[in-house]
Amino acid sequence: REPSLEMVQQRTPTKHVFVKPGDTLWRISQRYRVNLEHLRTLNQLTDNRIVIGQALWLPDDRPMSGVGADKGASTP
């Protein structure tokens, strides 16, 4: 089921993630390789506080670069 979830996420033009218990804005920025300030600006956050269940928008370019990297990595 996970691959089909990834396929759905890659097709959507704007991506978002839901904050899970233990997540911090910094950890999310590291996980998705997004600049922390850019993540804050994109989500109109005035500080680093986030709450469980909150949806955070991610930049559109991240899924495309991830797909290219996956295809390149699978080729010997």
PDB file of N, CA and C in Angstrom:
ATOM      1  N   ARG A   1       0.812  -1.200   0.000  1.00  0.00           N
ATOM      2  CA  ARG A   1       0.000   0.000   0.000  1.00  0.00           C
ATOM      3  C   ARG A   1       0.856   1.264   0.000  1.00  0.00           C
ATOM      4  N   GLU A   2       2.039   1.211   0.546  1.00  0.00           N
ATOM      5  CA  GLU A   2       2.879   2.397   0.594  1.00  0.00           C
ATOM      6  C   GLU A   2       3.254   2.935  -0.789  1.00  0.00           C
ATOM      7  N   PRO A   3       3.637   2.087  -1.753  1.00  0.00           N
ATOM      8  CA  PRO A   3       3.966   2.642  -3.074  1.00  0.00           C
ATOM      9  C   PRO A   3       2.804   3.387  -3.707  1.00  0.00           C
ATOM     10  N   SER A   4       1.579   2.887  -3.562  1.00  0.00           N
ATOM     11  CA  SER A   4       0.455   3.592  -4.168  1.00  0.00           C
ATOM     12  C   SER A   4       0.225   4.931  -3.469  1.00  0.00           C
ATOM     13  N   LEU A   5       0.493   5.005  -2.174  1.00  0.00           N
ATOM     14  CA  LEU A   5       0.384   6.277  -1.459  1.00  0.00           C
ATOM     15  C   LEU A   5       1.411   7.260  -1.994  1.00  0.00           C
ATOM     16  N   GLU A   6       2.636   6.783  -2.244  1.00  0.00           N
ATOM     17  CA  GLU A   6       3.675   7.642  -2.812  1.00  0.00           C
ATOM     18  C   GLU A   6       3.275   8.120  -4.196  1.00  0.00           C
ATOM     19  N   MET A   7       2.698   7.242  -4.997  1.00  0.00           N
ATOM     20  CA  MET A   7       2.288   7.623  -6.343  1.00  0.00           C
ATOM     21  C   MET A   7       1.235   8.714  -6.289  1.00  0.00           C
ATOM     22  N   VAL A   8       0.292   8.599  -5.368  1.00  0.00           N
ATOM     23  CA  VAL A   8      -0.749   9.616  -5.224  1.00  0.00           C
ATOM     24  C   VAL A   8      -0.128  10.938  -4.813  1.00  0.00           C
ATOM     25  N   GLN A   9       0.798  10.913  -3.859  1.00  0.00           N
ATOM     26  CA  GLN A   9       1.436  12.133  -3.399  1.00  0.00           C
ATOM     27  C   GLN A   9       2.256  12.781  -4.506  1.00  0.00           C
ATOM     28  N   GLN A  10       2.905  11.991  -5.351  1.00  0.00           N
ATOM     29  CA  GLN A  10       3.731  12.544  -6.417  1.00  0.00           C
ATOM     30  C   GLN A  10       2.876  13.185  -7.505  1.00  0.00           C
ATOM     31  N   ARG A  11       1.653  12.741  -7.671  1.00  0.00           N
ATOM     32  CA  ARG A  11       0.777  13.302  -8.699  1.00  0.00           C
ATOM     33  C   ARG A  11       0.180  14.641  -8.281  1.00  0.00           C
ATOM     34  N   THR A  12       0.041  14.881  -6.995  1.00  0.00           N
ATOM     35  CA  THR A  12      -0.570  16.124  -6.556  1.00  0.00           C
ATOM     36  C   THR A  12       0.416  17.271  -6.720  1.00  0.00           C
ATOM     37  N   PRO A  13      -0.029  18.395  -7.307  1.00  0.00           N
ATOM     38  CA  PRO A  13       0.887  19.503  -7.568  1.00  0.00           C
ATOM     39  C   PRO A  13       1.410  20.166  -6.294  1.00  0.00           C
ATOM     40  N   THR A  14       0.587  20.288  -5.266  1.00  0.00           N
ATOM     41  CA  THR A  14       1.052  20.832  -4.001  1.00  0.00           C
ATOM     42  C   THR A  14       1.030  19.716  -2.978  1.00  0.00           C
ATOM     43  N   LYS A  15       2.112  19.602  -2.231  1.00  0.00           N
ATOM     44  CA  LYS A  15       2.264  18.507  -1.289  1.00  0.00           C
ATOM     45  C   LYS A  15       2.127  19.030   0.128  1.00  0.00           C
ATOM     46  N   HIS A  16       1.528  18.224   0.964  1.00  0.00           N
ATOM     47  CA  HIS A  16       1.491  18.591   2.372  1.00  0.00           C
ATOM     48  C   HIS A  16       1.694  17.348   3.230  1.00  0.00           C
ATOM     49  N   VAL A  17       2.140  17.588   4.445  1.00  0.00           N
ATOM     50  CA  VAL A  17       2.335  16.515   5.411  1.00  0.00           C
ATOM     51  C   VAL A  17       1.575  16.888   6.670  1.00  0.00           C
ATOM     52  N   PHE A  18       1.186  15.883   7.426  1.00  0.00           N
ATOM     53  CA  PHE A  18       0.519  16.136   8.692  1.00  0.00           C
ATOM     54  C   PHE A  18       1.515  15.963   9.826  1.00  0.00           C
ATOM     55  N   VAL A  19       1.475  16.877  10.777  1.00  0.00           N
ATOM     56  CA  VAL A  19       2.369  16.829  11.927  1.00  0.00           C
ATOM     57  C   VAL A  19       1.998  15.637  12.801  1.00  0.00           C
ATOM     58  N   LYS A  20       2.995  14.841  13.146  1.00  0.00           N
ATOM     59  CA  LYS A  20       2.793  13.664  13.992  1.00  0.00           C
ATOM     60  C   LYS A  20       3.390  13.919  15.367  1.00  0.00           C
ATOM     61  N   PRO A  21       2.983  13.147  16.359  1.00  0.00           N
ATOM     62  CA  PRO A  21       3.576  13.305  17.699  1.00  0.00           C
ATOM     63  C   PRO A  21       5.099  13.188  17.634  1.00  0.00           C
ATOM     64  N   GLY A  22       5.783  14.123  18.271  1.00  0.00           N
ATOM     65  CA  GLY A  22       7.240  14.118  18.283  1.00  0.00           C
ATOM     66  C   GLY A  22       7.867  14.929  17.162  1.00  0.00           C
ATOM     67  N   ASP A  23       7.068  15.323  16.161  1.00  0.00           N
ATOM     68  CA  ASP A  23       7.604  16.130  15.069  1.00  0.00           C
ATOM     69  C   ASP A  23       7.921  17.545  15.538  1.00  0.00           C
ATOM     70  N   THR A  24       8.959  18.104  14.958  1.00  0.00           N
ATOM     71  CA  THR A  24       9.257  19.526  15.129  1.00  0.00           C
ATOM     72  C   THR A  24       9.379  20.120  13.737  1.00  0.00           C
ATOM     73  N   LEU A  25       9.265  21.421  13.642  1.00  0.00           N
ATOM     74  CA  LEU A  25       9.388  22.066  12.341  1.00  0.00           C
ATOM     75  C   LEU A  25      10.771  21.796  11.753  1.00  0.00           C
ATOM     76  N   TRP A  26      11.800  21.827  12.624  1.00  0.00           N
ATOM     77  CA  TRP A  26      13.158  21.568  12.162  1.00  0.00           C
ATOM     78  C   TRP A  26      13.281  20.152  11.615  1.00  0.00           C
ATOM     79  N   ARG A  27      12.718  19.172  12.333  1.00  0.00           N
ATOM     80  CA  ARG A  27      12.807  17.774  11.902  1.00  0.00           C
ATOM     81  C   ARG A  27      12.102  17.571  10.562  1.00  0.00           C
ATOM     82  N   ILE A  28      10.949  18.203  10.382  1.00  0.00           N
ATOM     83  CA  ILE A  28      10.220  18.101   9.111  1.00  0.00           C
ATOM     84  C   ILE A  28      11.032  18.738   7.984  1.00  0.00           C
ATOM     85  N   SER A  29      11.658  19.885   8.262  1.00  0.00           N
ATOM     86  CA  SER A  29      12.471  20.543   7.233  1.00  0.00           C
ATOM     87  C   SER A  29      13.644  19.659   6.833  1.00  0.00           C
ATOM     88  N   GLN A  30      14.248  18.959   7.787  1.00  0.00           N
ATOM     89  CA  GLN A  30      15.354  18.050   7.490  1.00  0.00           C
ATOM     90  C   GLN A  30      14.871  16.834   6.708  1.00  0.00           C
ATOM     91  N   ARG A  31      13.746  16.266   7.116  1.00  0.00           N
ATOM     92  CA  ARG A  31      13.213  15.059   6.478  1.00  0.00           C
ATOM     93  C   ARG A  31      12.907  15.298   5.008  1.00  0.00           C
ATOM     94  N   TYR A  32      12.338  16.474   4.709  1.00  0.00           N
ATOM     95  CA  TYR A  32      11.928  16.760   3.332  1.00  0.00           C
ATOM     96  C   TYR A  32      12.903  17.690   2.613  1.00  0.00           C
ATOM     97  N   ARG A  33      14.049  17.958   3.260  1.00  0.00           N
ATOM     98  CA  ARG A  33      15.098  18.779   2.653  1.00  0.00           C
ATOM     99  C   ARG A  33      14.579  20.121   2.192  1.00  0.00           C
ATOM    100  N   VAL A  34      13.890  20.790   3.100  1.00  0.00           N
ATOM    101  CA  VAL A  34      13.334  22.113   2.835  1.00  0.00           C
ATOM    102  C   VAL A  34      13.981  23.090   3.813  1.00  0.00           C
ATOM    103  N   ASN A  35      14.351  24.262   3.323  1.00  0.00           N
ATOM    104  CA  ASN A  35      14.893  25.296   4.195  1.00  0.00           C
ATOM    105  C   ASN A  35      13.854  25.656   5.249  1.00  0.00           C
ATOM    106  N   LEU A  36      14.293  25.733   6.508  1.00  0.00           N
ATOM    107  CA  LEU A  36      13.372  25.994   7.617  1.00  0.00           C
ATOM    108  C   LEU A  36      12.607  27.305   7.430  1.00  0.00           C
ATOM    109  N   GLU A  37      13.310  28.368   7.042  1.00  0.00           N
ATOM    110  CA  GLU A  37      12.643  29.658   6.823  1.00  0.00           C
ATOM    111  C   GLU A  37      11.634  29.569   5.679  1.00  0.00           C
ATOM    112  N   HIS A  38      11.995  28.839   4.631  1.00  0.00           N
ATOM    113  CA  HIS A  38      11.085  28.683   3.495  1.00  0.00           C
ATOM    114  C   HIS A  38       9.822  27.933   3.918  1.00  0.00           C
ATOM    115  N   LEU A  39      10.007  26.906   4.741  1.00  0.00           N
ATOM    116  CA  LEU A  39       8.876  26.133   5.247  1.00  0.00           C
ATOM    117  C   LEU A  39       7.956  27.023   6.089  1.00  0.00           C
ATOM    118  N   ARG A  40       8.558  27.853   6.939  1.00  0.00           N
ATOM    119  CA  ARG A  40       7.767  28.771   7.765  1.00  0.00           C
ATOM    120  C   ARG A  40       7.008  29.774   6.897  1.00  0.00           C
ATOM    121  N   THR A  41       7.687  30.338   5.900  1.00  0.00           N
ATOM    122  CA  THR A  41       7.051  31.322   5.023  1.00  0.00           C
ATOM    123  C   THR A  41       5.914  30.696   4.221  1.00  0.00           C
ATOM    124  N   LEU A  42       6.167  29.522   3.675  1.00  0.00           N
ATOM    125  CA  LEU A  42       5.175  28.817   2.856  1.00  0.00           C
ATOM    126  C   LEU A  42       3.905  28.538   3.659  1.00  0.00           C
ATOM    127  N   ASN A  43       4.068  28.264   4.954  1.00  0.00           N
ATOM    128  CA  ASN A  43       2.929  27.931   5.807  1.00  0.00           C
ATOM    129  C   ASN A  43       2.450  29.106   6.654  1.00  0.00           C
ATOM    130  N   GLN A  44       3.010  30.297   6.376  1.00  0.00           N
ATOM    131  CA  GLN A  44       2.615  31.528   7.072  1.00  0.00           C
ATOM    132  C   GLN A  44       2.730  31.374   8.581  1.00  0.00           C
ATOM    133  N   LEU A  45       3.832  30.762   9.025  1.00  0.00           N
ATOM    134  CA  LEU A  45       4.068  30.587  10.454  1.00  0.00           C
ATOM    135  C   LEU A  45       4.910  31.753  10.961  1.00  0.00           C
ATOM    136  N   THR A  46       4.554  32.268  12.138  1.00  0.00           N
ATOM    137  CA  THR A  46       5.313  33.372  12.717  1.00  0.00           C
ATOM    138  C   THR A  46       6.419  32.870  13.634  1.00  0.00           C
ATOM    139  N   ASP A  47       6.349  31.589  14.025  1.00  0.00           N
ATOM    140  CA  ASP A  47       7.395  30.982  14.836  1.00  0.00           C
ATOM    141  C   ASP A  47       7.487  29.496  14.483  1.00  0.00           C
ATOM    142  N   ASN A  48       8.214  28.730  15.281  1.00  0.00           N
ATOM    143  CA  ASN A  48       8.423  27.316  14.970  1.00  0.00           C
ATOM    144  C   ASN A  48       7.401  26.397  15.616  1.00  0.00           C
ATOM    145  N   ARG A  49       6.363  26.952  16.219  1.00  0.00           N
ATOM    146  CA  ARG A  49       5.365  26.112  16.893  1.00  0.00           C
ATOM    147  C   ARG A  49       4.417  25.467  15.893  1.00  0.00           C
ATOM    148  N   ILE A  50       4.267  24.145  16.028  1.00  0.00           N
ATOM    149  CA  ILE A  50       3.311  23.391  15.214  1.00  0.00           C
ATOM    150  C   ILE A  50       2.556  22.462  16.152  1.00  0.00           C
ATOM    151  N   VAL A  51       1.390  21.991  15.707  1.00  0.00           N
ATOM    152  CA  VAL A  51       0.576  21.122  16.551  1.00  0.00           C
ATOM    153  C   VAL A  51       0.288  19.804  15.829  1.00  0.00           C
ATOM    154  N   ILE A  52       0.101  18.756  16.611  1.00  0.00           N
ATOM    155  CA  ILE A  52      -0.198  17.437  16.056  1.00  0.00           C
ATOM    156  C   ILE A  52      -1.465  17.517  15.196  1.00  0.00           C
ATOM    157  N   GLY A  53      -1.397  16.942  14.011  1.00  0.00           N
ATOM    158  CA  GLY A  53      -2.532  16.947  13.100  1.00  0.00           C
ATOM    159  C   GLY A  53      -2.548  18.127  12.141  1.00  0.00           C
ATOM    160  N   GLN A  54      -1.682  19.104  12.377  1.00  0.00           N
ATOM    161  CA  GLN A  54      -1.613  20.275  11.504  1.00  0.00           C
ATOM    162  C   GLN A  54      -1.066  19.871  10.142  1.00  0.00           C
ATOM    163  N   ALA A  55      -1.630  20.429   9.074  1.00  0.00           N
ATOM    164  CA  ALA A  55      -1.133  20.166   7.728  1.00  0.00           C
ATOM    165  C   ALA A  55      -0.116  21.238   7.367  1.00  0.00           C
ATOM    166  N   LEU A  56       1.048  20.812   6.919  1.00  0.00           N
ATOM    167  CA  LEU A  56       2.090  21.738   6.481  1.00  0.00           C
ATOM    168  C   LEU A  56       2.331  21.548   4.992  1.00  0.00           C
ATOM    169  N   TRP A  57       2.345  22.647   4.265  1.00  0.00           N
ATOM    170  CA  TRP A  57       2.585  22.590   2.831  1.00  0.00           C
ATOM    171  C   TRP A  57       4.076  22.493   2.562  1.00  0.00           C
ATOM    172  N   LEU A  58       4.439  21.728   1.543  1.00  0.00           N
ATOM    173  CA  LEU A  58       5.821  21.581   1.111  1.00  0.00           C
ATOM    174  C   LEU A  58       5.966  22.171  -0.283  1.00  0.00           C
ATOM    175  N   PRO A  59       7.158  22.620  -0.645  1.00  0.00           N
ATOM    176  CA  PRO A  59       7.368  23.155  -1.998  1.00  0.00           C
ATOM    177  C   PRO A  59       7.104  22.096  -3.065  1.00  0.00           C
ATOM    178  N   ASP A  60       6.647  22.540  -4.231  1.00  0.00           N
ATOM    179  CA  ASP A  60       6.302  21.630  -5.327  1.00  0.00           C
ATOM    180  C   ASP A  60       7.509  20.908  -5.902  1.00  0.00           C
ATOM    181  N   ASP A  61       8.704  21.522  -5.838  1.00  0.00           N
ATOM    182  CA  ASP A  61       9.853  20.938  -6.513  1.00  0.00           C
ATOM    183  C   ASP A  61      10.403  19.700  -5.828  1.00  0.00           C
ATOM    184  N   ARG A  62      10.101  19.464  -4.578  1.00  0.00           N
ATOM    185  CA  ARG A  62      10.669  18.330  -3.845  1.00  0.00           C
ATOM    186  C   ARG A  62      10.286  16.967  -4.424  1.00  0.00           C
ATOM    187  N   PRO A  63       8.984  16.686  -4.728  1.00  0.00           N
ATOM    188  CA  PRO A  63       8.652  15.367  -5.257  1.00  0.00           C
ATOM    189  C   PRO A  63       9.314  15.087  -6.605  1.00  0.00           C
ATOM    190  N   MET A  64       9.436  16.108  -7.466  1.00  0.00           N
ATOM    191  CA  MET A  64      10.012  15.897  -8.788  1.00  0.00           C
ATOM    192  C   MET A  64      11.486  15.511  -8.677  1.00  0.00           C
ATOM    193  N   SER A  65      12.242  16.186  -7.811  1.00  0.00           N
ATOM    194  CA  SER A  65      13.649  15.853  -7.666  1.00  0.00           C
ATOM    195  C   SER A  65      13.792  14.462  -7.058  1.00  0.00           C
ATOM    196  N   GLY A  66      12.884  14.076  -6.188  1.00  0.00           N
ATOM    197  CA  GLY A  66      12.922  12.757  -5.565  1.00  0.00           C
ATOM    198  C   GLY A  66      12.700  11.667  -6.600  1.00  0.00           C
ATOM    199  N   VAL A  67      11.783  11.894  -7.546  1.00  0.00           N
ATOM    200  CA  VAL A  67      11.503  10.899  -8.573  1.00  0.00           C
ATOM    201  C   VAL A  67      12.718  10.737  -9.471  1.00  0.00           C
ATOM    202  N   GLY A  68      13.345  11.835  -9.857  1.00  0.00           N
ATOM    203  CA  GLY A  68      14.539  11.767 -10.697  1.00  0.00           C
ATOM    204  C   GLY A  68      15.669  11.038 -10.006  1.00  0.00           C
ATOM    205  N   ALA A  69      15.825  11.278  -8.720  1.00  0.00           N
ATOM    206  CA  ALA A  69      16.910  10.625  -7.966  1.00  0.00           C
ATOM    207  C   ALA A  69      16.645   9.122  -7.872  1.00  0.00           C
ATOM    208  N   ASP A  70      15.389   8.738  -7.681  1.00  0.00           N
ATOM    209  CA  ASP A  70      15.071   7.322  -7.590  1.00  0.00           C
ATOM    210  C   ASP A  70      15.385   6.595  -8.885  1.00  0.00           C
ATOM    211  N   LYS A  71      15.019   7.216 -10.005  1.00  0.00           N
ATOM    212  CA  LYS A  71      15.252   6.562 -11.299  1.00  0.00           C
ATOM    213  C   LYS A  71      16.754   6.472 -11.578  1.00  0.00           C
ATOM    214  N   GLY A  72      17.492   7.517 -11.230  1.00  0.00           N
ATOM    215  CA  GLY A  72      18.932   7.500 -11.441  1.00  0.00           C
ATOM    216  C   GLY A  72      19.601   6.461 -10.564  1.00  0.00           C
ATOM    217  N   ALA A  73      19.123   6.291  -9.367  1.00  0.00           N
ATOM    218  CA  ALA A  73      19.743   5.346  -8.434  1.00  0.00           C
ATOM    219  C   ALA A  73      19.496   3.897  -8.854  1.00  0.00           C
ATOM    220  N   SER A  74      18.375   3.634  -9.539  1.00  0.00           N
ATOM    221  CA  SER A  74      18.068   2.257  -9.913  1.00  0.00           C
ATOM    222  C   SER A  74      18.872   1.809 -11.138  1.00  0.00           C
ATOM    223  N   THR A  75      19.469   2.743 -11.844  1.00  0.00           N
ATOM    224  CA  THR A  75      20.281   2.392 -13.022  1.00  0.00           C
ATOM    225  C   THR A  75      21.724   2.147 -12.588  1.00  0.00           C
ATOM    226  N   PRO A  76      22.306   0.998 -12.934  1.00  0.00           N
ATOM    227  CA  PRO A  76      23.689   0.721 -12.517  1.00  0.00           C
ATOM    228  C   PRO A  76      24.694   1.643 -13.178  1.00  0.00           C
TER     229      PRO A  76
END
